[in-house]
N, C-alpha and C. Protein backbone atom coordinates (compact mmCIF):
# COMPACT_ATOMS: atom_id res chain seq x y z
N MET A 1 -1.61 19.50 -12.09
CA MET A 1 -0.85 20.32 -12.62
C MET A 1 -1.04 20.76 -13.77
N SER A 2 -0.58 22.30 -14.04
CA SER A 2 -0.82 22.68 -15.21
C SER A 2 0.65 22.63 -16.07
N GLU A 3 0.76 22.77 -17.35
CA GLU A 3 2.17 23.05 -17.93
C GLU A 3 2.81 23.76 -17.48
N ASP A 4 2.30 25.10 -17.15
CA ASP A 4 3.75 26.11 -16.72
C ASP A 4 3.38 25.98 -15.03
N TRP A 5 4.50 24.93 -14.63
CA TRP A 5 4.86 24.70 -13.90
C TRP A 5 5.51 25.78 -12.74
N ASP A 6 4.68 25.69 -11.16
CA ASP A 6 5.29 26.96 -10.36
C ASP A 6 6.17 26.32 -9.19
N ILE A 7 7.25 26.77 -8.80
CA ILE A 7 8.35 26.30 -7.68
C ILE A 7 7.19 25.74 -6.56
N TYR A 8 6.05 25.62 -6.16
CA TYR A 8 5.46 24.90 -5.28
C TYR A 8 5.18 23.24 -5.65
N GLU A 9 4.64 23.02 -7.01
CA GLU A 9 4.50 21.90 -7.70
C GLU A 9 5.42 21.37 -8.05
N ILE A 10 6.80 21.83 -8.85
CA ILE A 10 8.12 21.61 -8.72
C ILE A 10 8.78 20.71 -7.51
N LEU A 11 8.33 21.69 -6.50
CA LEU A 11 8.82 21.05 -5.37
C LEU A 11 7.88 19.36 -4.89
N SER A 12 6.43 19.90 -4.89
CA SER A 12 5.84 18.29 -4.88
C SER A 12 6.30 17.45 -5.62
N PHE A 13 6.54 17.48 -6.77
CA PHE A 13 6.66 16.25 -7.86
C PHE A 13 8.30 15.55 -7.64
N LEU A 14 9.43 16.52 -6.93
CA LEU A 14 10.20 15.99 -6.50
C LEU A 14 10.18 14.87 -5.57
N LYS A 15 9.43 15.41 -4.07
CA LYS A 15 9.12 15.08 -3.25
C LYS A 15 8.74 13.39 -3.75
N ASP A 16 7.34 13.31 -4.92
CA ASP A 16 6.60 12.20 -4.72
C ASP A 16 7.48 10.91 -6.15
N ILE A 17 8.96 11.83 -6.92
CA ILE A 17 9.23 11.68 -8.20
C ILE A 17 9.86 9.50 -7.50
N ARG A 18 9.82 9.22 -8.34
CA ARG A 18 10.36 7.12 -8.20
C ARG A 18 11.53 7.57 -9.28
N GLU A 19 12.65 6.75 -8.73
CA GLU A 19 13.80 6.82 -9.43
C GLU A 19 13.96 5.95 -11.11
N ASP A 20 12.81 5.38 -11.40
CA ASP A 20 12.42 4.98 -12.50
C ASP A 20 11.69 6.18 -13.25
N LYS A 21 11.92 7.34 -12.99
CA LYS A 21 11.01 8.34 -13.64
C LYS A 21 12.03 9.30 -13.77
N ILE A 22 13.22 9.07 -14.13
CA ILE A 22 14.37 10.01 -13.57
C ILE A 22 15.33 9.50 -14.88
N VAL A 23 15.38 10.42 -16.33
CA VAL A 23 16.12 10.07 -17.57
C VAL A 23 17.18 11.42 -16.98
N PHE A 24 17.88 11.25 -18.04
CA PHE A 24 18.92 11.86 -18.22
C PHE A 24 19.59 11.96 -19.51
N THR A 25 19.87 12.80 -19.89
CA THR A 25 20.05 13.96 -21.67
C THR A 25 21.60 12.77 -21.72
N GLY A 26 21.76 12.91 -22.87
CA GLY A 26 23.37 12.68 -23.47
C GLY A 26 24.08 13.47 -22.90
N HIS A 27 23.80 14.67 -22.69
CA HIS A 27 24.61 15.77 -22.09
C HIS A 27 25.58 15.94 -20.84
N VAL A 28 24.43 14.91 -20.03
CA VAL A 28 24.49 14.47 -18.63
C VAL A 28 25.73 13.65 -18.71
N LYS A 29 25.04 12.34 -19.55
CA LYS A 29 26.20 11.48 -19.90
C LYS A 29 27.53 11.59 -20.24
N GLU A 30 27.30 12.73 -20.64
CA GLU A 30 28.72 12.90 -21.56
C GLU A 30 29.93 13.64 -20.58
N LYS A 31 29.32 14.23 -19.77
CA LYS A 31 29.64 15.31 -19.11
C LYS A 31 30.24 14.74 -17.35
N ILE A 32 29.23 14.19 -16.73
CA ILE A 32 29.32 14.06 -15.23
C ILE A 32 30.86 13.63 -15.12
N GLU A 33 31.47 12.32 -15.80
CA GLU A 33 32.22 11.89 -15.11
C GLU A 33 33.38 13.08 -15.20
N ASP A 34 33.78 14.00 -16.28
CA ASP A 34 34.71 15.23 -16.04
C ASP A 34 34.30 16.15 -14.95
N ARG A 35 33.18 16.14 -14.86
CA ARG A 35 32.26 16.88 -13.99
C ARG A 35 32.72 16.52 -12.27
N GLY A 36 33.51 15.50 -12.37
CA GLY A 36 33.22 14.61 -10.74
C GLY A 36 32.14 14.17 -10.16
N ILE A 37 31.15 14.15 -10.92
CA ILE A 37 29.52 13.82 -10.37
C ILE A 37 29.12 12.25 -10.65
N SER A 38 29.10 11.60 -10.08
CA SER A 38 28.46 9.88 -10.23
C SER A 38 26.69 10.19 -10.47
N TYR A 39 26.21 9.31 -11.23
CA TYR A 39 24.69 8.91 -11.41
C TYR A 39 24.08 8.71 -9.59
N ASP A 40 25.04 7.95 -9.73
CA ASP A 40 24.75 7.74 -8.03
C ASP A 40 24.45 9.11 -6.90
N THR A 41 25.26 10.10 -7.27
CA THR A 41 24.95 11.19 -6.21
C THR A 41 23.83 12.19 -6.88
N ILE A 42 23.71 12.11 -7.94
CA ILE A 42 22.47 13.09 -8.52
C ILE A 42 21.01 12.27 -8.31
N VAL A 43 20.78 10.98 -8.44
CA VAL A 43 19.95 10.16 -7.95
C VAL A 43 19.29 10.45 -6.74
N ASN A 44 20.63 10.08 -5.71
CA ASN A 44 20.07 10.40 -4.70
C ASN A 44 19.83 11.77 -3.84
N SER A 45 20.50 12.35 -4.49
CA SER A 45 19.98 13.97 -4.35
C SER A 45 18.28 14.43 -4.60
N ILE A 46 18.27 14.24 -5.60
CA ILE A 46 16.91 13.96 -6.56
C ILE A 46 15.94 13.71 -5.15
N LEU A 47 16.38 12.37 -4.59
CA LEU A 47 15.43 11.24 -4.26
C LEU A 47 15.34 11.76 -2.91
N ASN A 48 16.74 12.26 -2.14
CA ASN A 48 16.67 12.03 -0.48
C ASN A 48 16.96 13.20 -0.13
N GLU A 49 17.44 14.47 -1.10
CA GLU A 49 17.84 15.75 -0.43
C GLU A 49 16.48 16.68 -0.21
N THR A 50 16.66 17.39 0.70
CA THR A 50 16.04 18.91 -0.08
C THR A 50 16.60 19.85 -0.87
N PRO A 51 15.75 20.28 -1.90
CA PRO A 51 16.97 21.60 -2.15
C PRO A 51 17.01 22.96 -1.40
N LEU A 52 17.89 22.86 -1.30
CA LEU A 52 18.62 24.73 -1.18
C LEU A 52 18.18 25.50 -2.02
N ALA A 53 17.51 25.65 -3.12
CA ALA A 53 16.93 26.69 -3.86
C ALA A 53 16.46 26.09 -5.35
N ILE A 54 15.61 26.43 -5.49
CA ILE A 54 14.86 25.89 -7.04
C ILE A 54 14.91 27.37 -7.70
N SER A 55 15.07 27.77 -8.62
CA SER A 55 14.90 28.61 -9.57
C SER A 55 14.30 28.27 -10.56
N LYS A 56 13.05 28.84 -11.39
CA LYS A 56 12.59 28.50 -12.66
C LYS A 56 13.65 29.23 -14.06
N GLN A 57 13.33 28.54 -14.93
CA GLN A 57 13.92 29.11 -16.16
C GLN A 57 13.50 29.23 -16.87
N ASN A 58 11.80 28.19 -17.63
CA ASN A 58 10.51 28.75 -18.21
C ASN A 58 10.02 28.01 -17.60
N PHE A 59 9.11 27.61 -18.57
CA PHE A 59 7.41 26.68 -18.02
C PHE A 59 7.40 25.56 -17.00
N SER A 60 8.91 24.53 -17.32
CA SER A 60 8.64 22.82 -16.66
C SER A 60 10.43 23.03 -16.31
N LYS A 61 11.00 23.88 -16.98
CA LYS A 61 12.32 23.98 -16.51
C LYS A 61 12.93 24.47 -15.32
N PHE A 62 13.58 23.82 -14.28
CA PHE A 62 14.31 24.30 -13.26
C PHE A 62 15.34 23.89 -12.47
N LYS A 63 16.05 24.96 -12.14
CA LYS A 63 17.67 24.77 -11.66
C LYS A 63 17.61 24.26 -9.95
N VAL A 64 17.81 23.58 -9.35
CA VAL A 64 17.70 23.29 -8.57
C VAL A 64 19.50 22.65 -7.80
N LYS A 65 19.58 23.23 -6.27
CA LYS A 65 20.47 23.07 -6.22
C LYS A 65 20.26 22.62 -4.85
N TYR A 66 21.37 20.95 -4.44
CA TYR A 66 21.14 20.29 -3.60
C TYR A 66 23.06 20.42 -3.36
N PRO A 67 22.78 19.88 -1.82
CA PRO A 67 24.12 19.99 -1.11
C PRO A 67 24.96 18.87 -1.62
N PHE A 68 26.08 19.45 -1.66
CA PHE A 68 27.17 18.77 -2.51
C PHE A 68 27.69 17.88 -1.39
N LYS A 69 27.49 16.44 -1.05
CA LYS A 69 28.09 15.62 -0.15
C LYS A 69 28.86 15.36 0.42
N ASN A 70 29.82 15.22 -1.42
CA ASN A 70 31.06 14.61 -1.33
C ASN A 70 32.13 15.74 -1.19
N ASN A 71 31.62 16.46 -1.06
CA ASN A 71 33.06 17.61 -1.24
C ASN A 71 33.14 18.89 -0.27
N GLU A 72 32.80 18.23 1.55
CA GLU A 72 32.91 18.92 2.49
C GLU A 72 32.51 20.38 2.57
N SER A 73 31.09 20.39 1.80
CA SER A 73 30.11 21.72 2.25
C SER A 73 31.25 22.80 1.45
N ARG A 74 32.14 22.43 0.33
CA ARG A 74 32.49 24.30 -0.32
C ARG A 74 31.40 24.13 -1.85
N TYR A 75 30.82 23.20 -2.10
CA TYR A 75 29.88 23.47 -3.42
C TYR A 75 28.75 22.85 -3.14
N ASP A 76 27.72 23.62 -3.79
CA ASP A 76 26.73 23.18 -4.46
C ASP A 76 26.52 22.32 -5.22
N LEU A 77 25.19 21.39 -5.60
CA LEU A 77 25.00 20.57 -6.53
C LEU A 77 24.05 21.03 -7.48
N VAL A 78 24.22 21.18 -8.77
CA VAL A 78 23.07 22.44 -9.13
C VAL A 78 22.49 20.81 -10.58
N VAL A 79 21.37 20.75 -10.46
CA VAL A 79 20.58 19.72 -11.53
C VAL A 79 19.51 20.48 -12.01
N VAL A 80 19.97 20.59 -13.56
CA VAL A 80 19.13 21.51 -14.51
C VAL A 80 17.62 20.90 -14.63
N VAL A 81 16.65 20.68 -14.34
CA VAL A 81 15.65 19.53 -14.84
C VAL A 81 14.19 20.33 -15.19
N ALA A 82 13.79 19.29 -16.66
CA ALA A 82 12.72 19.09 -17.07
C ALA A 82 11.38 18.75 -17.08
N VAL A 83 10.41 18.86 -16.33
CA VAL A 83 9.42 17.60 -16.23
C VAL A 83 8.66 17.47 -17.82
N GLU A 84 8.37 16.29 -17.60
CA GLU A 84 7.96 15.67 -19.20
C GLU A 84 6.54 15.43 -18.53
N HIS A 85 5.38 16.33 -18.87
CA HIS A 85 4.50 16.55 -19.04
C HIS A 85 3.45 15.27 -18.54
N VAL A 86 3.62 14.74 -20.42
CA VAL A 86 2.98 13.44 -20.37
C VAL A 86 3.07 12.35 -19.99
N THR A 87 4.58 12.10 -19.75
CA THR A 87 5.17 10.83 -19.20
C THR A 87 5.11 10.83 -17.58
N LYS A 88 4.81 12.19 -17.35
CA LYS A 88 5.45 12.23 -15.66
C LYS A 88 6.68 11.79 -15.33
N SER A 89 8.25 12.53 -16.35
CA SER A 89 8.72 12.15 -15.70
C SER A 89 10.10 13.17 -15.39
N LEU A 90 10.93 12.95 -14.98
CA LEU A 90 11.89 13.98 -14.70
C LEU A 90 13.42 14.16 -15.39
N LYS A 91 13.17 14.85 -16.30
CA LYS A 91 14.35 14.49 -17.65
C LYS A 91 15.83 15.84 -17.14
N VAL A 92 16.91 15.39 -17.01
CA VAL A 92 17.85 15.97 -16.15
C VAL A 92 18.69 16.53 -17.33
N ILE A 93 18.66 17.69 -17.31
CA ILE A 93 19.13 18.64 -18.51
C ILE A 93 20.70 18.41 -18.50
N THR A 94 21.19 18.80 -17.42
CA THR A 94 22.86 19.43 -16.90
C THR A 94 22.89 18.91 -15.89
N THR A 95 24.18 19.14 -14.72
CA THR A 95 24.73 19.14 -13.45
C THR A 95 25.63 19.66 -13.65
N TYR A 96 26.23 20.18 -12.40
CA TYR A 96 27.07 20.61 -11.96
C TYR A 96 27.13 21.07 -10.38
N LYS A 97 29.03 21.39 -10.23
CA LYS A 97 28.87 21.92 -9.06
C LYS A 97 29.67 23.26 -9.31
N GLU A 98 28.64 23.80 -8.09
CA GLU A 98 29.08 25.54 -7.91
C GLU A 98 29.14 25.84 -6.66
N ASN A 99 30.02 26.60 -6.75
CA ASN A 99 31.18 27.01 -5.28
C ASN A 99 29.60 27.42 -4.38
N VAL A 100 29.96 27.06 -2.95
CA VAL A 100 28.41 27.44 -2.32
C VAL A 100 28.66 29.21 -1.91
N LYS A 101 29.53 29.93 -2.14
CA LYS A 101 30.01 31.22 -2.15
C LYS A 101 28.84 31.59 -3.02
N LYS A 102 28.77 31.06 -4.11
CA LYS A 102 27.85 32.03 -5.22
C LYS A 102 26.26 32.11 -4.64
N ARG A 103 25.69 30.95 -3.85
CA ARG A 103 24.82 31.26 -2.70
C ARG A 103 24.34 31.68 -1.88
N VAL A 104 25.06 32.02 -0.63
CA VAL A 104 25.22 32.47 0.47
C VAL A 104 26.10 33.97 0.10
N ARG A 105 26.10 34.18 -0.50
CA ARG A 105 26.87 35.47 -0.48
C ARG A 105 26.03 36.63 0.56
């Protein structure tokens, strides 16, 4: 894979990622409790859910939307990730809930 990832490459990468290769930034660690999102929800979404949408932010950074199971489908779980090319790990940069209406307008 190249360093300039495309949507197909990130989708394939997400399907094969192992839990020990998911890394959380300090920002995520500080904010997730305030946002009502648990580590388990984020990791479970990445490992077991099919993304609802993927948007490329830059070369290896993507915004991935998953169904947010904890909230009666009113919200999507948005996880902004970056692929660490050398270590083949996935860095979770930020995560937040977004009203599902924003996706299905």
